[in-house]
């Protein structure tokens, strides 16, 4: 297996593109781009490009998620300020 090849982790079926290969104590470890994890090369099999789905959505950082929550809270406060005095019958 080489960097740039496509591989499938046989235990889960995860298909990724090989980003790095590291050998430690006689074991070849292969990093797949979709998980950014290293897998024992003996647990991988070659996959085709057609089976590969590149990662297009980056996981948000903690700061970005906290900012999203704060933005939602602010939107809720604004809705409450604008519409909080309206009763169920519209008066």
N, C-alpha and C. Protein backbone atom coordinates (compact mmCIF):
# COMPACT_ATOMS: atom_id res chain seq x y z
N UNK A 1 0.85 -1.16 0.00
CA UNK A 1 0.00 0.00 0.00
C UNK A 1 0.90 1.23 0.00
N UNK A 2 0.46 2.28 -0.71
CA UNK A 2 1.24 3.50 -0.82
C UNK A 2 0.36 4.72 -0.55
N UNK A 3 1.00 5.84 -0.19
CA UNK A 3 0.28 7.09 0.00
C UNK A 3 -0.44 7.42 -1.30
N UNK A 4 -1.73 7.77 -1.18
CA UNK A 4 -2.55 8.08 -2.35
C UNK A 4 -3.46 6.94 -2.76
N UNK A 5 -3.15 5.72 -2.29
CA UNK A 5 -4.03 4.57 -2.59
C UNK A 5 -5.33 4.71 -1.81
N UNK A 6 -6.33 3.95 -2.23
CA UNK A 6 -7.60 3.87 -1.52
C UNK A 6 -7.63 2.56 -0.76
N UNK A 7 -8.12 2.60 0.48
CA UNK A 7 -8.13 1.41 1.32
C UNK A 7 -9.43 1.32 2.10
N UNK A 8 -9.81 0.08 2.41
CA UNK A 8 -11.02 -0.19 3.21
C UNK A 8 -10.59 -0.91 4.48
N UNK A 9 -11.04 -0.40 5.62
CA UNK A 9 -10.81 -1.06 6.90
C UNK A 9 -11.83 -2.19 6.99
N UNK A 10 -11.34 -3.41 7.06
CA UNK A 10 -12.24 -4.57 6.94
C UNK A 10 -13.21 -4.73 8.11
N UNK A 11 -12.88 -4.17 9.28
CA UNK A 11 -13.79 -4.32 10.43
C UNK A 11 -15.03 -3.45 10.34
N UNK A 12 -14.94 -2.28 9.70
CA UNK A 12 -16.09 -1.37 9.65
C UNK A 12 -16.52 -1.01 8.23
N UNK A 13 -15.67 -1.28 7.24
CA UNK A 13 -15.99 -0.91 5.87
C UNK A 13 -15.62 0.52 5.53
N UNK A 14 -14.98 1.23 6.46
CA UNK A 14 -14.56 2.60 6.21
C UNK A 14 -13.59 2.63 5.04
N UNK A 15 -13.87 3.49 4.05
CA UNK A 15 -12.99 3.64 2.89
C UNK A 15 -12.37 5.01 2.93
N UNK A 16 -11.06 5.07 2.76
CA UNK A 16 -10.37 6.35 2.79
C UNK A 16 -9.16 6.34 1.89
N UNK A 17 -8.58 7.49 1.77
CA UNK A 17 -7.37 7.66 0.98
C UNK A 17 -6.19 7.63 1.94
N UNK A 18 -5.16 6.89 1.58
CA UNK A 18 -3.98 6.75 2.43
C UNK A 18 -3.22 8.08 2.44
N UNK A 19 -3.06 8.63 3.63
CA UNK A 19 -2.33 9.89 3.79
C UNK A 19 -0.92 9.71 4.31
N UNK A 20 -0.70 8.66 5.09
CA UNK A 20 0.61 8.46 5.70
C UNK A 20 0.78 6.99 6.03
N UNK A 21 2.03 6.55 6.03
CA UNK A 21 2.35 5.19 6.44
C UNK A 21 3.51 5.27 7.41
N UNK A 22 3.36 4.60 8.54
CA UNK A 22 4.38 4.61 9.57
C UNK A 22 4.66 3.16 9.98
N UNK A 23 5.92 2.84 10.20
CA UNK A 23 6.29 1.49 10.65
C UNK A 23 6.89 1.61 12.04
N UNK A 24 6.28 0.88 12.98
CA UNK A 24 6.77 0.85 14.35
C UNK A 24 6.82 -0.58 14.83
N UNK A 25 7.98 -0.98 15.30
CA UNK A 25 8.20 -2.32 15.83
C UNK A 25 7.71 -3.40 14.86
N UNK A 26 7.98 -3.18 13.58
CA UNK A 26 7.64 -4.16 12.57
C UNK A 26 6.19 -4.15 12.10
N UNK A 27 5.38 -3.23 12.61
CA UNK A 27 3.97 -3.14 12.21
C UNK A 27 3.79 -1.90 11.34
N UNK A 28 3.17 -2.07 10.18
CA UNK A 28 2.87 -0.94 9.29
C UNK A 28 1.53 -0.34 9.68
N UNK A 29 1.53 0.96 9.96
CA UNK A 29 0.33 1.69 10.32
C UNK A 29 0.00 2.65 9.19
N UNK A 30 -1.26 2.64 8.76
CA UNK A 30 -1.70 3.44 7.62
C UNK A 30 -2.76 4.44 8.08
N UNK A 31 -2.53 5.73 7.79
CA UNK A 31 -3.51 6.75 8.15
C UNK A 31 -4.46 6.99 6.99
N UNK A 32 -5.77 6.93 7.29
CA UNK A 32 -6.79 7.23 6.29
C UNK A 32 -7.31 8.65 6.52
N UNK A 33 -7.54 9.35 5.41
CA UNK A 33 -7.94 10.76 5.51
C UNK A 33 -9.31 10.96 6.14
N UNK A 34 -10.22 10.02 5.97
CA UNK A 34 -11.59 10.23 6.44
C UNK A 34 -11.71 10.20 7.96
N UNK A 35 -10.80 9.54 8.63
CA UNK A 35 -10.86 9.46 10.09
C UNK A 35 -9.65 10.09 10.77
N UNK A 36 -8.59 10.30 10.00
CA UNK A 36 -7.32 10.77 10.55
C UNK A 36 -6.79 9.82 11.61
N UNK A 37 -7.10 8.53 11.46
CA UNK A 37 -6.62 7.49 12.37
C UNK A 37 -5.69 6.56 11.63
N UNK A 38 -4.78 5.93 12.39
CA UNK A 38 -3.89 4.93 11.83
C UNK A 38 -4.49 3.54 12.03
N UNK A 39 -4.40 2.72 10.99
CA UNK A 39 -4.91 1.35 11.02
C UNK A 39 -3.77 0.39 10.74
N UNK A 40 -3.80 -0.76 11.39
CA UNK A 40 -2.86 -1.83 11.10
C UNK A 40 -3.07 -2.23 9.64
N UNK A 41 -2.01 -2.19 8.86
CA UNK A 41 -2.14 -2.46 7.43
C UNK A 41 -2.73 -3.84 7.14
N UNK A 42 -2.54 -4.79 8.05
CA UNK A 42 -3.10 -6.13 7.82
C UNK A 42 -4.62 -6.15 7.93
N UNK A 43 -5.19 -5.07 8.48
CA UNK A 43 -6.65 -4.96 8.62
C UNK A 43 -7.27 -4.12 7.51
N UNK A 44 -6.46 -3.77 6.50
CA UNK A 44 -6.93 -2.99 5.37
C UNK A 44 -6.88 -3.81 4.10
N UNK A 45 -7.79 -3.47 3.17
CA UNK A 45 -7.74 -4.06 1.84
C UNK A 45 -7.87 -2.94 0.82
N UNK A 46 -7.37 -3.19 -0.36
CA UNK A 46 -7.44 -2.16 -1.41
C UNK A 46 -8.90 -1.87 -1.72
N UNK A 47 -9.18 -0.60 -2.00
CA UNK A 47 -10.52 -0.17 -2.39
C UNK A 47 -10.38 0.62 -3.68
N UNK A 48 -11.50 0.86 -4.34
CA UNK A 48 -11.47 1.62 -5.59
C UNK A 48 -11.82 3.08 -5.33
N UNK A 49 -11.47 3.92 -6.27
CA UNK A 49 -11.79 5.34 -6.16
C UNK A 49 -13.29 5.56 -6.12
N UNK A 50 -14.06 4.70 -6.79
CA UNK A 50 -15.52 4.83 -6.82
C UNK A 50 -16.14 4.61 -5.44
N UNK A 51 -15.48 3.84 -4.59
CA UNK A 51 -16.00 3.56 -3.24
C UNK A 51 -15.69 4.70 -2.27
N UNK A 52 -14.81 5.58 -2.65
CA UNK A 52 -14.30 6.63 -1.79
C UNK A 52 -15.20 7.86 -1.81
N UNK A 53 -15.52 8.36 -0.63
CA UNK A 53 -16.28 9.60 -0.49
C UNK A 53 -15.42 10.55 0.33
N UNK A 54 -14.87 11.57 -0.33
CA UNK A 54 -13.98 12.47 0.40
C UNK A 54 -14.71 13.22 1.50
N UNK A 55 -13.97 13.60 2.51
CA UNK A 55 -14.51 14.37 3.62
C UNK A 55 -14.67 15.81 3.15
N UNK A 56 -15.91 16.30 3.19
CA UNK A 56 -16.14 17.67 2.75
C UNK A 56 -16.61 18.56 3.89
N UNK A 57 -17.08 17.96 4.97
CA UNK A 57 -17.57 18.74 6.10
C UNK A 57 -16.55 18.63 7.23
N UNK A 58 -15.96 19.73 7.57
CA UNK A 58 -14.98 19.77 8.65
C UNK A 58 -15.74 19.88 9.97
N UNK A 59 -15.30 19.12 10.94
CA UNK A 59 -15.94 19.22 12.24
C UNK A 59 -15.61 20.59 12.85
N UNK A 60 -16.60 21.21 13.44
CA UNK A 60 -16.40 22.53 14.03
C UNK A 60 -15.60 22.41 15.32
N UNK A 61 -14.82 23.44 15.56
CA UNK A 61 -14.06 23.49 16.81
C UNK A 61 -15.01 23.80 17.96
N UNK A 62 -14.55 23.60 19.16
CA UNK A 62 -15.35 23.88 20.34
C UNK A 62 -15.76 25.36 20.36
N UNK A 63 -14.82 26.23 20.01
CA UNK A 63 -15.13 27.66 20.00
C UNK A 63 -16.23 27.98 19.00
N UNK A 64 -16.19 27.36 17.83
CA UNK A 64 -17.22 27.59 16.81
C UNK A 64 -18.58 27.08 17.28
N UNK A 65 -18.61 25.93 17.94
CA UNK A 65 -19.87 25.38 18.44
C UNK A 65 -20.44 26.27 19.55
N UNK A 66 -19.56 26.76 20.44
CA UNK A 66 -20.02 27.66 21.50
C UNK A 66 -20.55 28.96 20.92
N UNK A 67 -19.91 29.47 19.88
CA UNK A 67 -20.38 30.70 19.24
C UNK A 67 -21.74 30.46 18.60
N UNK A 68 -21.94 29.29 17.95
CA UNK A 68 -23.24 28.96 17.37
C UNK A 68 -24.33 28.95 18.43
N UNK A 69 -24.02 28.37 19.59
CA UNK A 69 -25.00 28.34 20.69
C UNK A 69 -25.31 29.75 21.18
N UNK A 70 -24.30 30.58 21.32
CA UNK A 70 -24.53 31.96 21.76
C UNK A 70 -25.37 32.72 20.74
N UNK A 71 -25.10 32.50 19.45
CA UNK A 71 -25.90 33.15 18.40
C UNK A 71 -27.35 32.72 18.48
N UNK A 72 -27.60 31.43 18.75
CA UNK A 72 -28.98 30.95 18.88
C UNK A 72 -29.65 31.57 20.10
N UNK A 73 -28.93 31.66 21.21
CA UNK A 73 -29.49 32.30 22.42
C UNK A 73 -29.88 33.74 22.13
N UNK A 74 -29.00 34.45 21.43
CA UNK A 74 -29.28 35.85 21.10
C UNK A 74 -30.52 35.95 20.21
N UNK A 75 -30.65 35.06 19.24
CA UNK A 75 -31.83 35.06 18.37
C UNK A 75 -33.10 34.79 19.18
N UNK A 76 -33.01 33.87 20.14
CA UNK A 76 -34.18 33.57 20.98
C UNK A 76 -34.54 34.79 21.83
N UNK A 77 -33.55 35.50 22.38
CA UNK A 77 -33.83 36.70 23.17
C UNK A 77 -34.51 37.76 22.31
N UNK A 78 -34.04 37.92 21.07
CA UNK A 78 -34.64 38.90 20.17
C UNK A 78 -36.08 38.52 19.84
N UNK A 79 -36.35 37.25 19.60
CA UNK A 79 -37.73 36.80 19.35
C UNK A 79 -38.61 37.05 20.57
N UNK A 80 -38.08 36.75 21.73
CA UNK A 80 -38.83 36.98 22.97
C UNK A 80 -39.15 38.46 23.14
N UNK A 81 -38.16 39.32 22.89
CA UNK A 81 -38.38 40.76 23.01
C UNK A 81 -39.41 41.25 22.00
N UNK A 82 -39.38 40.71 20.81
CA UNK A 82 -40.27 41.16 19.74
C UNK A 82 -41.68 40.60 19.90
N UNK A 83 -41.79 39.33 20.23
CA UNK A 83 -43.09 38.67 20.21
C UNK A 83 -43.55 38.17 21.57
N UNK A 84 -42.83 38.45 22.63
CA UNK A 84 -43.15 37.93 23.94
C UNK A 84 -44.45 38.42 24.54
N UNK A 85 -44.96 39.56 24.08
CA UNK A 85 -46.17 40.12 24.64
C UNK A 85 -47.44 39.69 23.91
N UNK A 86 -47.32 38.88 22.90
CA UNK A 86 -48.49 38.44 22.12
C UNK A 86 -49.10 37.22 22.81
N UNK A 87 -50.40 37.29 23.04
CA UNK A 87 -51.10 36.18 23.67
C UNK A 87 -51.49 35.15 22.61
N UNK A 88 -51.91 33.97 23.03
CA UNK A 88 -52.29 32.91 22.06
C UNK A 88 -53.40 33.35 21.10
N UNK A 89 -54.25 34.29 21.52
CA UNK A 89 -55.33 34.70 20.62
C UNK A 89 -54.91 35.84 19.70
N UNK A 90 -53.59 36.23 19.77
CA UNK A 90 -53.07 37.23 18.84
C UNK A 90 -53.20 38.66 19.33
N UNK A 91 -53.64 38.85 20.56
CA UNK A 91 -53.77 40.23 21.08
C UNK A 91 -52.61 40.59 21.97
